[in-house]
PDB file of N, CA and C in Angstrom:
ATOM      1  N   MET A   1    -209.617-129.975-103.369  1.00  0.00           N
ATOM      2  CA  MET A   1    -207.982-129.931-104.520  1.00  0.00           C
ATOM      3  C   MET A   1    -207.341-130.451-103.061  1.00  0.00           C
ATOM      4  N   PRO A   2    -206.662-131.655-103.530  1.00  0.00           N
ATOM      5  CA  PRO A   2    -206.029-132.457-102.276  1.00  0.00           C
ATOM      6  C   PRO A   2    -204.192-131.449-102.018  1.00  0.00           C
ATOM      7  N   SER A   3    -203.942-131.403-101.007  1.00  0.00           N
ATOM      8  CA  SER A   3    -203.034-130.770-100.597  1.00  0.00           C
ATOM      9  C   SER A   3    -201.442-131.242-101.257  1.00  0.00           C
ATOM     10  N   CYS A   4    -201.329-129.893-101.897  1.00  0.00           N
ATOM     11  CA  CYS A   4    -199.700-130.451-102.166  1.00  0.00           C
ATOM     12  C   CYS A   4    -198.522-130.567-101.452  1.00  0.00           C
ATOM     13  N   GLY A   5    -199.280-129.610-100.469  1.00  0.00           N
ATOM     14  CA  GLY A   5    -197.345-130.171 -99.656  1.00  0.00           C
ATOM     15  C   GLY A   5    -197.715-131.693 -98.428  1.00  0.00           C
ATOM     16  N   ARG A   6    -196.391-131.209 -97.745  1.00  0.00           N
ATOM     17  CA  ARG A   6    -196.405-132.585 -96.878  1.00  0.00           C
ATOM     18  C   ARG A   6    -197.483-132.263 -95.540  1.00  0.00           C
ATOM     19  N   PRO A   7    -197.751-133.700 -95.435  1.00  0.00           N
ATOM     20  CA  PRO A   7    -198.677-133.396 -93.545  1.00  0.00           C
ATOM     21  C   PRO A   7    -197.856-132.727 -92.576  1.00  0.00           C
ATOM     22  N   GLY A   8    -198.819-131.987 -92.372  1.00  0.00           N
ATOM     23  CA  GLY A   8    -198.183-130.697 -91.165  1.00  0.00           C
ATOM     24  C   GLY A   8    -197.711-129.650 -91.921  1.00  0.00           C
ATOM     25  N   SER A   9    -197.116-129.547 -93.175  1.00  0.00           N
ATOM     26  CA  SER A   9    -196.187-128.612 -93.801  1.00  0.00           C
ATOM     27  C   SER A   9    -197.007-127.301 -93.778  1.00  0.00           C
ATOM     28  N   SER A  10    -196.593-126.022 -93.647  1.00  0.00           N
ATOM     29  CA  SER A  10    -196.882-124.904 -93.550  1.00  0.00           C
ATOM     30  C   SER A  10    -198.129-124.758 -94.883  1.00  0.00           C
ATOM     31  N   THR A  11    -197.938-125.427 -96.191  1.00  0.00           N
ATOM     32  CA  THR A  11    -198.885-125.746 -96.914  1.00  0.00           C
ATOM     33  C   THR A  11    -200.450-126.149 -96.230  1.00  0.00           C
ATOM     34  N   SER A  12    -199.816-127.153 -95.828  1.00  0.00           N
ATOM     35  CA  SER A  12    -201.097-127.839 -95.555  1.00  0.00           C
ATOM     36  C   SER A  12    -201.971-127.403 -94.470  1.00  0.00           C
ATOM     37  N   ARG A  13    -201.706-126.386 -93.655  1.00  0.00           N
ATOM     38  CA  ARG A  13    -201.934-125.932 -92.816  1.00  0.00           C
ATOM     39  C   ARG A  13    -202.437-124.871 -93.209  1.00  0.00           C
ATOM     40  N   HIS A  14    -201.777-123.746 -93.930  1.00  0.00           N
ATOM     41  CA  HIS A  14    -202.543-122.536 -94.607  1.00  0.00           C
ATOM     42  C   HIS A  14    -204.100-123.764 -95.320  1.00  0.00           C
ATOM     43  N   GLU A  15    -203.937-124.239 -96.126  1.00  0.00           N
ATOM     44  CA  GLU A  15    -205.273-124.706 -96.578  1.00  0.00           C
ATOM     45  C   GLU A  15    -206.570-125.263 -95.533  1.00  0.00           C
ATOM     46  N   ASP A  16    -206.042-125.840 -94.568  1.00  0.00           N
ATOM     47  CA  ASP A  16    -206.841-125.941 -93.538  1.00  0.00           C
ATOM     48  C   ASP A  16    -207.360-125.137 -93.248  1.00  0.00           C
ATOM     49  N   ALA A  17    -206.597-123.831 -92.764  1.00  0.00           N
ATOM     50  CA  ALA A  17    -207.444-122.676 -92.512  1.00  0.00           C
ATOM     51  C   ALA A  17    -208.113-122.612 -93.149  1.00  0.00           C
ATOM     52  N   LEU A  18    -207.710-121.704 -94.755  1.00  0.00           N
ATOM     53  CA  LEU A  18    -208.653-121.728 -95.673  1.00  0.00           C
ATOM     54  C   LEU A  18    -210.021-122.290 -95.692  1.00  0.00           C
ATOM     55  N   TYR A  19    -209.893-124.157 -95.392  1.00  0.00           N
ATOM     56  CA  TYR A  19    -211.023-124.690 -95.525  1.00  0.00           C
ATOM     57  C   TYR A  19    -211.944-124.477 -94.293  1.00  0.00           C
ATOM     58  N   LEU A  20    -211.481-124.284 -93.338  1.00  0.00           N
ATOM     59  CA  LEU A  20    -212.050-123.698 -92.253  1.00  0.00           C
ATOM     60  C   LEU A  20    -212.857-122.501 -92.102  1.00  0.00           C
ATOM     61  N   ARG A  21    -212.242-121.869 -92.907  1.00  0.00           N
ATOM     62  CA  ARG A  21    -212.666-120.052 -93.241  1.00  0.00           C
ATOM     63  C   ARG A  21    -214.264-120.468 -94.390  1.00  0.00           C
ATOM     64  N   HIS A  22    -213.863-121.242 -95.174  1.00  0.00           N
ATOM     65  CA  HIS A  22    -215.396-121.838 -96.026  1.00  0.00           C
ATOM     66  C   HIS A  22    -216.221-122.278 -95.285  1.00  0.00           C
ATOM     67  N   ILE A  23    -216.078-123.252 -94.350  1.00  0.00           N
ATOM     68  CA  ILE A  23    -217.037-124.119 -93.252  1.00  0.00           C
ATOM     69  C   ILE A  23    -217.367-122.544 -92.624  1.00  0.00           C
ATOM     70  N   ARG A  24    -217.038-121.555 -92.072  1.00  0.00           N
ATOM     71  CA  ARG A  24    -217.619-120.620 -90.648  1.00  0.00           C
ATOM     72  C   ARG A  24    -218.401-119.520 -91.842  1.00  0.00           C
ATOM     73  N   GLU A  25    -218.236-119.354 -93.366  1.00  0.00           N
ATOM     74  CA  GLU A  25    -218.433-118.248 -94.160  1.00  0.00           C
ATOM     75  C   GLU A  25    -220.344-118.873 -94.229  1.00  0.00           C
ATOM     76  N   ALA A  26    -219.938-120.691 -94.885  1.00  0.00           N
ATOM     77  CA  ALA A  26    -221.282-121.130 -95.059  1.00  0.00           C
ATOM     78  C   ALA A  26    -221.804-121.129 -93.754  1.00  0.00           C
ATOM     79  N   ILE A  27    -221.649-121.326 -92.920  1.00  0.00           N
ATOM     80  CA  ILE A  27    -222.463-121.537 -91.716  1.00  0.00           C
ATOM     81  C   ILE A  27    -223.176-120.184 -91.302  1.00  0.00           C
ATOM     82  N   VAL A  28    -222.589-119.310 -91.280  1.00  0.00           N
ATOM     83  CA  VAL A  28    -223.020-117.734 -91.044  1.00  0.00           C
ATOM     84  C   VAL A  28    -224.139-117.747 -92.161  1.00  0.00           C
ATOM     85  N   LYS A  29    -224.066-117.654 -93.467  1.00  0.00           N
ATOM     86  CA  LYS A  29    -225.039-117.520 -94.561  1.00  0.00           C
ATOM     87  C   LYS A  29    -225.930-118.380 -94.532  1.00  0.00           C
ATOM     88  N   ALA A  30    -226.226-120.006 -93.876  1.00  0.00           N
ATOM     89  CA  ALA A  30    -226.875-120.682 -93.555  1.00  0.00           C
ATOM     90  C   ALA A  30    -227.624-120.252 -92.620  1.00  0.00           C
ATOM     91  N   MET A  31    -227.171-119.771 -91.599  1.00  0.00           N
ATOM     92  CA  MET A  31    -228.058-119.167 -90.800  1.00  0.00           C
ATOM     93  C   MET A  31    -228.747-117.714 -90.496  1.00  0.00           C
ATOM     94  N   ALA A  32    -228.247-117.532 -91.472  1.00  0.00           N
ATOM     95  CA  ALA A  32    -229.123-115.696 -91.932  1.00  0.00           C
ATOM     96  C   ALA A  32    -230.261-116.608 -92.970  1.00  0.00           C
ATOM     97  N   TRP A  33    -230.182-117.354 -93.695  1.00  0.00           N
ATOM     98  CA  TRP A  33    -230.712-117.164 -94.884  1.00  0.00           C
ATOM     99  C   TRP A  33    -232.121-118.329 -94.349  1.00  0.00           C
ATOM    100  N   ALA A  34    -231.917-119.285 -93.102  1.00  0.00           N
ATOM    101  CA  ALA A  34    -232.870-119.845 -92.702  1.00  0.00           C
ATOM    102  C   ALA A  34    -233.858-119.113 -91.925  1.00  0.00           C
ATOM    103  N   GLY A  35    -233.538-117.892 -91.632  1.00  0.00           N
ATOM    104  CA  GLY A  35    -234.453-117.247 -90.852  1.00  0.00           C
ATOM    105  C   GLY A  35    -235.218-117.618 -89.366  1.00  0.00           C
ATOM    106  N   SER A  36    -235.868-116.637 -89.075  1.00  0.00           N
ATOM    107  CA  SER A  36    -236.046-116.287 -87.647  1.00  0.00           C
ATOM    108  C   SER A  36    -237.195-117.399 -87.327  1.00  0.00           C
ATOM    109  N   SER A  37    -237.750-118.304 -88.208  1.00  0.00           N
ATOM    110  CA  SER A  37    -239.362-118.554 -87.977  1.00  0.00           C
ATOM    111  C   SER A  37    -238.888-120.175 -89.048  1.00  0.00           C
ATOM    112  N   ARG A  38    -239.723-121.616 -87.993  1.00  0.00           N
ATOM    113  CA  ARG A  38    -239.605-122.504 -88.543  1.00  0.00           C
ATOM    114  C   ARG A  38    -240.634-122.253 -89.695  1.00  0.00           C
ATOM    115  N   GLN A  39    -241.211-121.938 -89.313  1.00  0.00           N
ATOM    116  CA  GLN A  39    -242.861-121.961 -90.696  1.00  0.00           C
ATOM    117  C   GLN A  39    -242.612-120.922 -92.013  1.00  0.00           C
ATOM    118  N   ALA A  40    -241.749-120.006 -91.690  1.00  0.00           N
ATOM    119  CA  ALA A  40    -241.050-119.149 -92.711  1.00  0.00           C
ATOM    120  C   ALA A  40    -240.149-120.315 -93.542  1.00  0.00           C
ATOM    121  N   PHE A  41    -239.230-120.872 -92.726  1.00  0.00           N
ATOM    122  CA  PHE A  41    -238.450-121.530 -93.549  1.00  0.00           C
ATOM    123  C   PHE A  41    -238.791-122.389 -94.452  1.00  0.00           C
ATOM    124  N   PHE A  42    -239.914-123.408 -93.729  1.00  0.00           N
ATOM    125  CA  PHE A  42    -240.487-124.788 -94.553  1.00  0.00           C
ATOM    126  C   PHE A  42    -241.649-124.261 -95.424  1.00  0.00           C
ATOM    127  N   GLU A  43    -241.937-123.107 -95.326  1.00  0.00           N
ATOM    128  CA  GLU A  43    -243.170-122.384 -96.461  1.00  0.00           C
ATOM    129  C   GLU A  43    -241.961-122.014 -97.732  1.00  0.00           C
ATOM    130  N   ASP A  44    -240.803-121.852 -97.201  1.00  0.00           N
ATOM    131  CA  ASP A  44    -239.949-121.301 -99.178  1.00  0.00           C
ATOM    132  C   ASP A  44    -239.135-122.212 -99.400  1.00  0.00           C
ATOM    133  N   GLU A  45    -239.057-122.756-100.497  1.00  0.00           N
ATOM    134  CA  GLU A  45    -238.292-123.680-101.164  1.00  0.00           C
ATOM    135  C   GLU A  45    -237.115-123.446-101.369  1.00  0.00           C
ATOM    136  N   PHE A  46    -236.838-122.064-101.870  1.00  0.00           N
ATOM    137  CA  PHE A  46    -235.890-120.988-101.969  1.00  0.00           C
ATOM    138  C   PHE A  46    -234.919-120.762-101.185  1.00  0.00           C
ATOM    139  N   ARG A  47    -235.211-120.506 -99.573  1.00  0.00           N
ATOM    140  CA  ARG A  47    -234.661-120.347 -98.636  1.00  0.00           C
ATOM    141  C   ARG A  47    -234.261-121.812 -98.364  1.00  0.00           C
ATOM    142  N   GLN A  48    -234.903-123.088 -98.261  1.00  0.00           N
ATOM    143  CA  GLN A  48    -234.258-123.991 -98.139  1.00  0.00           C
ATOM    144  C   GLN A  48    -233.539-124.636 -98.990  1.00  0.00           C
ATOM    145  N   SER A  49    -233.464-124.292-100.112  1.00  0.00           N
ATOM    146  CA  SER A  49    -232.345-124.774-101.216  1.00  0.00           C
ATOM    147  C   SER A  49    -231.141-123.783-100.945  1.00  0.00           C
ATOM    148  N   ALA A  50    -230.916-123.034-100.709  1.00  0.00           N
ATOM    149  CA  ALA A  50    -230.132-121.859-100.172  1.00  0.00           C
ATOM    150  C   ALA A  50    -229.109-122.552 -98.907  1.00  0.00           C
ATOM    151  N   VAL A  51    -230.029-122.627 -97.714  1.00  0.00           N
ATOM    152  CA  VAL A  51    -229.512-123.331 -96.826  1.00  0.00           C
ATOM    153  C   VAL A  51    -229.117-124.809 -97.141  1.00  0.00           C
ATOM    154  N   ILE A  52    -229.327-125.675 -97.690  1.00  0.00           N
ATOM    155  CA  ILE A  52    -228.883-126.972 -97.912  1.00  0.00           C
ATOM    156  C   ILE A  52    -227.479-126.624 -98.747  1.00  0.00           C
ATOM    157  N   ARG A  53    -227.263-125.357 -99.753  1.00  0.00           N
ATOM    158  CA  ARG A  53    -226.618-125.731-100.518  1.00  0.00           C
ATOM    159  C   ARG A  53    -225.077-125.243 -99.358  1.00  0.00           C
ATOM    160  N   GLN A  54    -225.850-124.139 -98.733  1.00  0.00           N
ATOM    161  CA  GLN A  54    -224.527-123.837 -97.692  1.00  0.00           C
ATOM    162  C   GLN A  54    -223.719-125.069 -96.945  1.00  0.00           C
ATOM    163  N   LEU A  55    -224.631-126.125 -96.487  1.00  0.00           N
ATOM    164  CA  LEU A  55    -224.420-126.686 -95.670  1.00  0.00           C
ATOM    165  C   LEU A  55    -223.277-127.869 -96.365  1.00  0.00           C
ATOM    166  N   GLU A  56    -224.076-128.023 -97.798  1.00  0.00           N
ATOM    167  CA  GLU A  56    -223.179-128.547 -98.595  1.00  0.00           C
ATOM    168  C   GLU A  56    -221.806-128.495 -98.681  1.00  0.00           C
ATOM    169  N   ILE A  57    -221.553-126.847 -98.891  1.00  0.00           N
ATOM    170  CA  ILE A  57    -219.839-126.609 -98.871  1.00  0.00           C
ATOM    171  C   ILE A  57    -219.464-126.926 -97.548  1.00  0.00           C
ATOM    172  N   ALA A  58    -220.276-126.317 -96.874  1.00  0.00           N
ATOM    173  CA  ALA A  58    -219.279-126.385 -95.429  1.00  0.00           C
ATOM    174  C   ALA A  58    -219.125-128.002 -95.185  1.00  0.00           C
ATOM    175  N   ARG A  59    -219.640-129.136 -95.981  1.00  0.00           N
ATOM    176  CA  ARG A  59    -219.407-130.360 -95.716  1.00  0.00           C
ATOM    177  C   ARG A  59    -218.185-130.812 -96.383  1.00  0.00           C
ATOM    178  N   GLU A  60    -218.269-129.967 -97.907  1.00  0.00           N
ATOM    179  CA  GLU A  60    -217.048-130.272 -98.864  1.00  0.00           C
ATOM    180  C   GLU A  60    -215.554-129.843 -98.464  1.00  0.00           C
ATOM    181  N   ALA A  61    -215.916-128.600 -98.052  1.00  0.00           N
ATOM    182  CA  ALA A  61    -214.476-128.099 -97.388  1.00  0.00           C
ATOM    183  C   ALA A  61    -214.387-128.847 -95.995  1.00  0.00           C
ATOM    184  N   ALA A  62    -215.065-129.604 -95.052  1.00  0.00           N
ATOM    185  CA  ALA A  62    -214.640-130.632 -94.056  1.00  0.00           C
ATOM    186  C   ALA A  62    -213.716-131.871 -94.361  1.00  0.00           C
ATOM    187  N   GLY A  63    -214.399-132.113 -95.519  1.00  0.00           N
ATOM    188  CA  GLY A  63    -213.717-133.443 -96.172  1.00  0.00           C
ATOM    189  C   GLY A  63    -212.512-133.075 -96.838  1.00  0.00           C
ATOM    190  N   ARG A  64    -211.709-132.123 -97.069  1.00  0.00           N
ATOM    191  CA  ARG A  64    -210.810-131.607 -97.505  1.00  0.00           C
ATOM    192  C   ARG A  64    -209.609-131.944 -96.878  1.00  0.00           C
ATOM    193  N   TRP A  65    -209.823-131.510 -95.632  1.00  0.00           N
ATOM    194  CA  TRP A  65    -208.999-130.870 -93.933  1.00  0.00           C
ATOM    195  C   TRP A  65    -208.200-132.097 -94.633  1.00  0.00           C
ATOM    196  N   SER A  66    -206.913-132.161 -94.296  1.00  0.00           N
ATOM    197  CA  SER A  66    -205.340-132.174 -94.420  1.00  0.00           C
ATOM    198  C   SER A  66    -205.320-133.764 -93.135  1.00  0.00           C
ATOM    199  N   GLU A  67    -204.792-134.583 -93.440  1.00  0.00           N
ATOM    200  CA  GLU A  67    -204.412-135.834 -92.457  1.00  0.00           C
ATOM    201  C   GLU A  67    -204.001-135.193 -91.104  1.00  0.00           C
ATOM    202  N   ALA A  68    -202.987-134.350 -91.407  1.00  0.00           N
ATOM    203  CA  ALA A  68    -202.437-133.951 -90.019  1.00  0.00           C
ATOM    204  C   ALA A  68    -203.465-133.148 -88.874  1.00  0.00           C
ATOM    205  N   PHE A  69    -204.780-132.691 -89.849  1.00  0.00           N
ATOM    206  CA  PHE A  69    -205.516-132.162 -89.123  1.00  0.00           C
ATOM    207  C   PHE A  69    -206.653-133.085 -88.235  1.00  0.00           C
ATOM    208  N   ARG A  70    -206.604-134.015 -89.258  1.00  0.00           N
ATOM    209  CA  ARG A  70    -207.931-134.938 -88.662  1.00  0.00           C
ATOM    210  C   ARG A  70    -207.300-135.499 -87.231  1.00  0.00           C
ATOM    211  N   GLN A  71    -205.698-135.923 -87.430  1.00  0.00           N
ATOM    212  CA  GLN A  71    -205.486-136.739 -86.493  1.00  0.00           C
ATOM    213  C   GLN A  71    -205.381-135.605 -84.938  1.00  0.00           C
ATOM    214  N   ALA A  72    -204.925-134.156 -85.504  1.00  0.00           N
ATOM    215  CA  ALA A  72    -204.637-133.570 -84.250  1.00  0.00           C
ATOM    216  C   ALA A  72    -206.205-133.095 -84.009  1.00  0.00           C
ATOM    217  N   HIS A  73    -207.478-133.396 -84.445  1.00  0.00           N
ATOM    218  CA  HIS A  73    -208.801-132.708 -84.010  1.00  0.00           C
ATOM    219  C   HIS A  73    -209.477-133.890 -84.153  1.00  0.00           C
ATOM    220  N   PRO A  74    -209.362-135.038 -83.257  1.00  0.00           N
ATOM    221  CA  PRO A  74    -210.079-135.973 -83.875  1.00  0.00           C
ATOM    222  C   PRO A  74    -211.666-136.049 -83.013  1.00  0.00           C
ATOM    223  N   GLY A  75    -211.992-135.402 -82.226  1.00  0.00           N
ATOM    224  CA  GLY A  75    -213.126-135.104 -81.922  1.00  0.00           C
ATOM    225  C   GLY A  75    -214.054-134.054 -82.513  1.00  0.00           C
ATOM    226  N   ILE A  76    -213.370-133.934 -84.018  1.00  0.00           N
ATOM    227  CA  ILE A  76    -214.628-132.853 -85.236  1.00  0.00           C
ATOM    228  C   ILE A  76    -214.705-134.484 -86.184  1.00  0.00           C
ATOM    229  N   ALA A  77    -215.770-134.392 -86.261  1.00  0.00           N
ATOM    230  CA  ALA A  77    -216.003-136.022 -87.099  1.00  0.00           C
ATOM    231  C   ALA A  77    -216.359-134.915 -88.769  1.00  0.00           C
ATOM    232  N   VAL A  78    -216.056-135.964 -89.434  1.00  0.00           N
ATOM    233  CA  VAL A  78    -216.259-135.574 -91.320  1.00  0.00           C
ATOM    234  C   VAL A  78    -216.933-136.442 -91.558  1.00  0.00           C
TER     235      VAL A  78
END
């Protein structure tokens, strides 16, 4: 959902913080669900699907960052 606030406004900063939180939560889940061994991960299609979905969530949240956030953090590729 696009920001309804002006670039750099407190609304867009709040949304950017929310998206960052979503990304962090998705990465933590993906890491936990990936398991401790490559073999276990690659043998479990359900586990793979769960991890892939969390990575999709992180990517979607990153794509919603405000333009002001992108300009302030040019080193973060989306």
